[in-house]
N, C-alpha and C. Protein backbone atom coordinates (compact mmCIF):
# COMPACT_ATOMS: atom_id res chain seq x y z
N MET A 1 89.41 167.66 89.07
CA MET A 1 90.19 167.39 89.47
C MET A 1 91.30 166.94 88.91
N LYS A 2 92.53 166.82 88.68
CA LYS A 2 93.84 166.16 88.02
C LYS A 2 93.93 164.87 88.35
N SER A 3 94.26 163.86 87.61
CA SER A 3 94.20 162.70 87.38
C SER A 3 94.82 162.48 89.23
N THR A 4 96.27 162.76 89.29
CA THR A 4 97.00 162.38 90.31
C THR A 4 96.21 162.64 91.02
N HIS A 5 95.22 164.02 91.61
CA HIS A 5 94.45 164.16 93.00
C HIS A 5 93.52 162.57 93.28
N ILE A 6 93.11 162.62 92.23
CA ILE A 6 92.40 161.24 92.02
C ILE A 6 92.42 159.77 92.90
N VAL A 7 94.14 159.86 91.80
CA VAL A 7 94.86 158.62 92.77
C VAL A 7 95.54 158.70 93.58
N ILE A 8 95.76 159.65 94.42
CA ILE A 8 96.17 160.01 95.89
C ILE A 8 94.78 159.95 96.74
N LEU A 9 93.55 160.35 96.40
CA LEU A 9 92.58 160.02 97.18
C LEU A 9 92.14 158.68 97.18
N VAL A 10 92.42 157.93 96.11
CA VAL A 10 92.03 156.46 95.71
C VAL A 10 93.34 155.74 96.89
N ILE A 11 94.53 155.93 96.77
CA ILE A 11 95.19 155.47 97.64
C ILE A 11 94.73 155.69 99.35
N ILE A 12 94.76 156.44 99.55
CA ILE A 12 93.93 157.09 100.99
C ILE A 12 93.26 156.39 101.43
N ALA A 13 92.02 156.42 100.73
CA ALA A 13 90.75 155.24 101.01
C ALA A 13 90.88 154.15 100.84
N VAL A 14 91.70 153.66 100.29
CA VAL A 14 92.57 151.91 100.45
C VAL A 14 93.07 151.79 101.78
N GLY A 15 93.93 152.54 102.06
CA GLY A 15 94.59 152.72 103.29
C GLY A 15 93.52 153.02 104.33
N ILE A 16 93.10 153.51 104.42
CA ILE A 16 91.93 153.40 105.53
C ILE A 16 91.03 152.78 105.40
N ALA A 17 90.76 151.98 104.51
CA ALA A 17 89.73 150.42 104.57
C ALA A 17 90.59 149.43 105.21
N ALA A 18 92.01 149.57 104.63
CA ALA A 18 92.58 148.43 104.96
C ALA A 18 92.88 148.52 106.54
N ILE A 19 93.44 149.58 107.24
CA ILE A 19 93.33 149.65 108.70
C ILE A 19 92.05 149.57 109.66
N LEU A 20 90.92 150.03 108.90
CA LEU A 20 89.76 149.53 109.76
C LEU A 20 89.11 148.31 109.56
N GLY A 21 89.54 147.66 108.46
CA GLY A 21 89.61 145.70 108.65
C GLY A 21 90.22 144.97 109.25
N THR A 22 91.63 145.56 109.14
CA THR A 22 92.59 144.74 110.56
C THR A 22 92.34 145.08 111.59
N TYR A 23 91.99 145.95 111.98
CA TYR A 23 91.70 146.59 113.11
C TYR A 23 90.07 145.75 113.66
N GLY A 24 89.26 145.77 112.92
CA GLY A 24 87.94 144.73 113.55
C GLY A 24 88.17 143.36 114.01
N ASP A 25 88.87 142.86 112.67
CA ASP A 25 89.48 141.70 112.87
C ASP A 25 90.15 140.99 113.85
N ALA A 26 90.90 142.18 114.45
CA ALA A 26 92.09 142.17 115.79
C ALA A 26 91.22 142.08 116.99
N SER A 27 90.06 142.82 117.10
CA SER A 27 89.71 143.24 118.35
C SER A 27 88.64 142.15 118.77
N THR A 28 88.28 141.27 117.87
CA THR A 28 87.29 140.22 118.09
C THR A 28 87.40 139.64 119.24
N THR A 29 86.95 139.40 120.08
CA THR A 29 87.32 138.51 121.56
C THR A 29 86.11 137.15 121.42
N VAL A 30 86.72 135.59 121.34
CA VAL A 30 85.50 135.22 121.20
C VAL A 30 86.36 133.62 122.45
N SER A 31 85.53 133.07 122.37
CA SER A 31 85.70 131.48 123.17
C SER A 31 86.57 130.46 122.21
N PHE A 32 86.94 129.41 122.63
CA PHE A 32 87.65 128.73 121.84
C PHE A 32 87.05 128.33 120.93
N LYS A 33 85.58 127.87 121.20
CA LYS A 33 84.07 126.97 120.68
C LYS A 33 84.42 127.90 119.13
N GLU A 34 83.99 129.21 119.25
CA GLU A 34 83.98 130.12 118.31
C GLU A 34 84.95 130.44 117.62
N ALA A 35 85.69 130.18 117.81
CA ALA A 35 87.38 130.45 117.03
C ALA A 35 87.14 129.18 116.30
N ALA A 36 86.70 128.07 116.85
CA ALA A 36 86.74 126.57 116.04
C ALA A 36 85.74 126.45 114.74
N GLU A 37 85.28 127.54 115.31
CA GLU A 37 83.79 127.68 114.14
C GLU A 37 84.86 127.97 112.95
N ASN A 38 85.46 128.67 113.24
CA ASN A 38 86.35 129.67 111.76
C ASN A 38 87.66 129.50 111.62
N PRO A 39 88.05 128.30 111.87
CA PRO A 39 89.50 128.01 111.55
C PRO A 39 90.33 128.73 110.30
N GLY A 40 91.44 129.34 110.38
CA GLY A 40 91.83 130.19 109.60
C GLY A 40 92.18 131.63 110.06
N LYS A 41 90.90 131.92 110.82
CA LYS A 41 90.61 133.19 111.19
C LYS A 41 90.98 133.88 112.28
N SER A 42 91.69 134.81 112.21
CA SER A 42 92.33 135.34 113.74
C SER A 42 91.56 135.76 114.64
N PHE A 43 91.29 135.51 116.25
CA PHE A 43 90.40 135.64 116.98
C PHE A 43 91.78 136.29 118.28
N HIS A 44 90.89 136.99 119.17
CA HIS A 44 91.62 136.97 120.37
C HIS A 44 90.93 136.27 121.53
N VAL A 45 91.24 135.26 122.40
CA VAL A 45 91.04 134.50 123.24
C VAL A 45 91.17 134.85 124.55
N LYS A 46 90.50 134.99 125.80
CA LYS A 46 91.22 135.11 126.83
C LYS A 46 90.91 134.24 127.64
N THR A 47 92.11 133.26 128.10
CA THR A 47 92.38 132.12 128.93
C THR A 47 92.71 132.68 130.21
N TYR A 48 92.84 131.15 130.90
CA TYR A 48 93.62 130.49 132.08
C TYR A 48 94.46 129.83 132.06
N LEU A 49 95.99 129.71 132.52
CA LEU A 49 96.65 128.59 132.62
C LEU A 49 96.13 127.31 133.04
N VAL A 50 95.91 126.33 132.41
CA VAL A 50 95.37 124.54 133.37
C VAL A 50 97.13 124.31 133.77
N LYS A 51 97.36 124.58 134.69
CA LYS A 51 98.95 124.35 135.29
C LYS A 51 99.21 123.15 135.55
N GLU A 52 97.76 121.72 135.76
CA GLU A 52 97.92 120.76 136.02
C GLU A 52 98.75 119.77 134.94
N LYS A 53 98.21 120.52 133.78
CA LYS A 53 99.11 119.88 132.47
C LYS A 53 99.97 120.03 131.71
N GLY A 54 100.69 121.45 132.88
CA GLY A 54 102.14 121.49 132.46
C GLY A 54 102.42 122.37 131.20
N ILE A 55 103.77 122.46 130.96
CA ILE A 55 104.11 123.29 129.87
C ILE A 55 105.62 122.70 128.92
N GLU A 56 105.40 122.68 128.00
CA GLU A 56 106.24 122.07 127.08
C GLU A 56 106.89 123.20 126.19
N PHE A 57 108.26 123.02 126.83
CA PHE A 57 109.49 124.13 126.58
C PHE A 57 110.61 123.38 126.14
N ASN A 58 111.05 123.91 125.23
CA ASN A 58 112.89 123.59 125.34
C ASN A 58 113.56 125.08 124.27
N ALA A 59 114.26 125.40 125.00
CA ALA A 59 114.77 127.07 124.17
C ALA A 59 115.71 126.32 123.47
N GLU A 60 116.33 125.06 123.71
CA GLU A 60 117.59 124.56 122.82
C GLU A 60 116.81 124.34 121.21
N ILE A 61 115.75 123.74 121.42
CA ILE A 61 115.52 123.06 120.25
C ILE A 61 114.47 124.08 119.33
N ASP A 62 113.50 124.58 119.93
CA ASP A 62 112.73 125.98 119.33
C ASP A 62 112.51 127.02 120.48
N PRO A 63 113.29 128.00 120.98
CA PRO A 63 112.84 129.11 121.67
C PRO A 63 112.08 129.99 121.28
N GLU A 64 111.29 129.58 119.93
CA GLU A 64 110.04 130.55 119.71
C GLU A 64 108.97 130.00 119.50
N LYS A 65 108.71 128.89 120.54
CA LYS A 65 108.03 128.00 120.35
C LYS A 65 107.65 127.43 121.95
N PHE A 66 106.45 127.34 122.64
CA PHE A 66 106.02 126.65 123.80
C PHE A 66 104.60 125.72 123.23
N ILE A 67 104.48 125.07 124.44
CA ILE A 67 102.81 124.47 124.29
C ILE A 67 102.46 124.51 125.62
N PHE A 68 101.01 124.84 125.94
CA PHE A 68 100.52 124.79 127.00
C PHE A 68 99.05 124.55 126.78
N TYR A 69 98.19 124.20 128.24
CA TYR A 69 96.74 124.26 128.09
C TYR A 69 95.83 125.35 128.61
N GLY A 70 95.29 126.14 127.74
CA GLY A 70 94.60 127.25 128.42
C GLY A 70 93.02 127.14 128.55
N LYS A 71 92.52 127.32 129.63
CA LYS A 71 90.56 127.48 129.65
C LYS A 71 90.18 128.76 129.70
N ASP A 72 88.99 128.93 128.76
CA ASP A 72 88.21 130.15 128.44
C ASP A 72 87.44 129.87 129.76
N GLY A 73 86.86 131.12 128.98
CA GLY A 73 85.68 131.86 130.35
C GLY A 73 84.63 131.10 130.06
N ASN A 74 84.63 129.89 129.01
CA ASN A 74 83.24 128.86 129.37
C ASN A 74 83.87 127.84 129.62
N GLY A 75 85.02 127.49 130.45
CA GLY A 75 85.57 126.25 130.86
C GLY A 75 86.21 125.13 129.63
N GLU A 76 85.84 125.83 128.66
CA GLU A 76 86.69 124.75 128.01
C GLU A 76 88.32 124.90 127.70
N VAL A 77 89.02 123.39 127.58
CA VAL A 77 90.50 123.35 127.75
C VAL A 77 90.94 122.99 126.56
N ARG A 78 91.60 123.66 126.23
CA ARG A 78 92.41 123.23 124.60
C ARG A 78 93.81 123.29 124.48
N LYS A 79 94.58 122.56 123.96
CA LYS A 79 95.78 123.06 123.77
C LYS A 79 96.21 124.09 122.83
N VAL A 80 97.57 124.60 123.29
CA VAL A 80 97.56 126.42 122.70
C VAL A 80 99.06 126.02 122.21
N ILE A 81 99.56 125.95 121.28
CA ILE A 81 100.76 126.33 120.35
C ILE A 81 100.57 127.96 120.53
N CYS A 82 101.78 128.12 121.19
CA CYS A 82 102.41 129.48 121.11
C CYS A 82 103.53 129.86 120.15
N LEU A 83 103.73 129.97 119.38
CA LEU A 83 104.90 130.55 118.31
C LEU A 83 105.09 132.00 118.65
N LYS A 84 106.02 131.99 120.12
CA LYS A 84 106.83 133.30 120.25
C LYS A 84 107.61 132.66 121.68
N GLU A 85 108.43 133.58 121.84
CA GLU A 85 109.09 132.82 122.76
C GLU A 85 108.12 133.05 124.22
N LYS A 86 108.73 132.33 124.91
CA LYS A 86 107.89 131.87 126.64
C LYS A 86 108.26 133.15 127.20
N PRO A 87 107.23 134.07 127.59
CA PRO A 87 107.44 135.33 128.65
C PRO A 87 108.20 134.95 129.93
N GLN A 88 108.75 135.40 130.86
CA GLN A 88 109.29 135.20 131.87
C GLN A 88 108.44 135.27 133.15
N GLY A 89 108.34 134.19 133.71
CA GLY A 89 107.11 134.13 134.77
C GLY A 89 105.60 134.04 134.25
N PHE A 90 105.69 132.96 132.99
CA PHE A 90 104.64 133.01 132.51
C PHE A 90 103.89 131.90 133.43
N GLU A 91 104.71 131.00 134.17
CA GLU A 91 103.53 129.82 135.01
C GLU A 91 102.58 130.97 136.14
N HIS A 92 103.09 132.30 136.12
CA HIS A 92 102.56 132.77 137.41
C HIS A 92 101.57 133.62 136.50
N ALA A 93 100.83 133.87 135.63
CA ALA A 93 100.08 134.93 134.85
C ALA A 93 98.76 134.22 135.81
N GLU A 94 97.79 135.48 135.70
CA GLU A 94 96.71 135.71 136.53
C GLU A 94 95.76 134.75 134.99
N GLU A 95 96.16 135.93 134.08
CA GLU A 95 95.11 135.63 132.52
C GLU A 95 95.98 135.64 131.34
N ILE A 96 95.81 135.16 130.35
CA ILE A 96 96.31 135.41 128.98
C ILE A 96 95.68 135.73 127.87
N LYS A 97 96.10 136.39 127.40
CA LYS A 97 95.53 136.98 126.19
C LYS A 97 96.19 136.41 124.80
N LEU A 98 95.27 135.40 124.13
CA LEU A 98 96.04 134.87 123.12
C LEU A 98 95.37 136.13 121.62
N ILE A 99 96.20 135.78 120.89
CA ILE A 99 95.73 136.07 119.33
C ILE A 99 96.43 135.29 118.32
N GLY A 100 95.10 134.52 117.87
CA GLY A 100 96.19 133.45 116.86
C GLY A 100 94.29 132.79 116.35
N HIS A 101 94.89 131.86 115.76
CA HIS A 101 93.33 130.46 115.47
C HIS A 101 93.76 129.20 115.65
N VAL A 102 92.49 128.39 114.90
CA VAL A 102 92.64 127.24 115.22
C VAL A 102 92.73 126.77 114.08
N ASN A 103 93.85 125.45 114.40
CA ASN A 103 93.99 124.68 113.47
C ASN A 103 93.63 123.45 113.11
N GLY A 104 93.88 122.90 111.80
CA GLY A 104 93.36 121.18 111.16
C GLY A 104 93.07 120.58 112.64
N ALA A 105 93.89 120.71 113.37
CA ALA A 105 94.05 119.73 114.53
C ALA A 105 93.33 119.90 115.63
N ASN A 106 92.52 121.19 115.85
CA ASN A 106 91.51 121.14 116.77
C ASN A 106 92.30 122.21 118.01
N GLU A 107 94.00 122.75 117.53
CA GLU A 107 94.38 123.19 118.71
C GLU A 107 94.18 124.44 118.20
N PHE A 108 94.80 125.61 118.83
CA PHE A 108 94.70 127.14 119.00
C PHE A 108 96.26 127.16 118.81
N VAL A 109 96.42 127.96 117.66
CA VAL A 109 98.41 128.30 117.59
C VAL A 109 97.83 130.09 117.61
N ALA A 110 98.94 130.36 118.58
CA ALA A 110 99.03 131.59 119.47
C ALA A 110 100.01 132.24 118.77
N THR A 111 100.00 133.55 117.59
CA THR A 111 101.00 133.55 117.34
C THR A 111 101.56 134.93 118.32
N ASP A 112 100.72 135.58 119.04
CA ASP A 112 101.46 136.62 120.16
C ASP A 112 100.24 136.37 121.45
N LEU A 113 100.83 136.66 122.43
CA LEU A 113 99.77 136.87 123.93
C LEU A 113 100.61 137.89 124.45
N GLN A 114 99.42 138.22 125.30
CA GLN A 114 100.09 138.97 126.46
C GLN A 114 99.41 138.43 128.08
N THR A 115 100.27 138.65 128.92
CA THR A 115 100.15 138.26 130.27
C THR A 115 99.52 138.86 131.22
N LYS A 116 98.80 138.39 132.25
CA LYS A 116 98.50 139.79 133.09
C LYS A 116 98.90 138.93 134.07
N CYS A 117 99.89 139.20 134.91
CA CYS A 117 100.77 138.57 136.08
C CYS A 117 100.19 139.34 137.79
N PRO A 118 100.17 138.23 138.39
CA PRO A 118 99.68 139.04 139.41
C PRO A 118 100.78 139.95 140.26
N SER A 119 100.34 141.67 140.96
CA SER A 119 101.15 142.63 140.91
C SER A 119 101.58 142.15 142.63
N LYS A 120 102.84 142.49 142.42
CA LYS A 120 103.87 142.03 143.81
C LYS A 120 103.49 143.43 144.67
N TYR A 121 103.20 144.24 144.00
CA TYR A 121 102.46 145.64 145.12
C TYR A 121 101.04 145.65 145.85
N GLU A 122 100.12 144.41 145.48
CA GLU A 122 98.90 144.65 145.58
C GLU A 122 98.77 144.78 147.14
N ASN A 123 99.37 143.81 147.51
CA ASN A 123 99.46 143.50 149.17
C ASN A 123 99.47 145.32 149.81
N GLU A 124 101.00 145.64 149.17
CA GLU A 124 101.01 147.16 149.55
C GLU A 124 99.90 148.33 149.32
N ILE A 125 99.39 148.19 148.49
CA ILE A 125 98.08 148.90 147.99
C ILE A 125 96.95 148.82 148.96
N GLN A 126 96.60 147.90 149.31
CA GLN A 126 95.63 147.29 149.89
C GLN A 126 95.89 147.99 151.55
N ASP A 127 97.42 147.75 152.23
CA ASP A 127 97.59 148.20 153.19
C ASP A 127 97.59 149.77 153.48
N ILE A 128 97.38 150.48 152.13
CA ILE A 128 97.67 152.21 152.79
C ILE A 128 96.30 152.48 152.85
């Protein structure tokens, strides 16, 4: 084999390893407690909005940041700092999937999120 073929194979192998490594980290869904045991490491956490504690958001100061309290499947409530624009209708979300890490202040810093909102068509489907 020529040395260029070997170099190309090594580059492909490194690329595949990087993709698999990233996929493995990003797909780990845990509780707030497990995320706190590994500060700085990125996790997925499924939460529910604690509406009683409210949402802090000021689009004039920082439109790419809002703060709320989330409750995980184990019932643990934690302050969440989301470094992303607040989705429209966020207050009505049934479920929030966070991607992020726990910081030194024991807060969950979310760099991305997905919301599952109640379907306005849910009653229509049940009537059919």
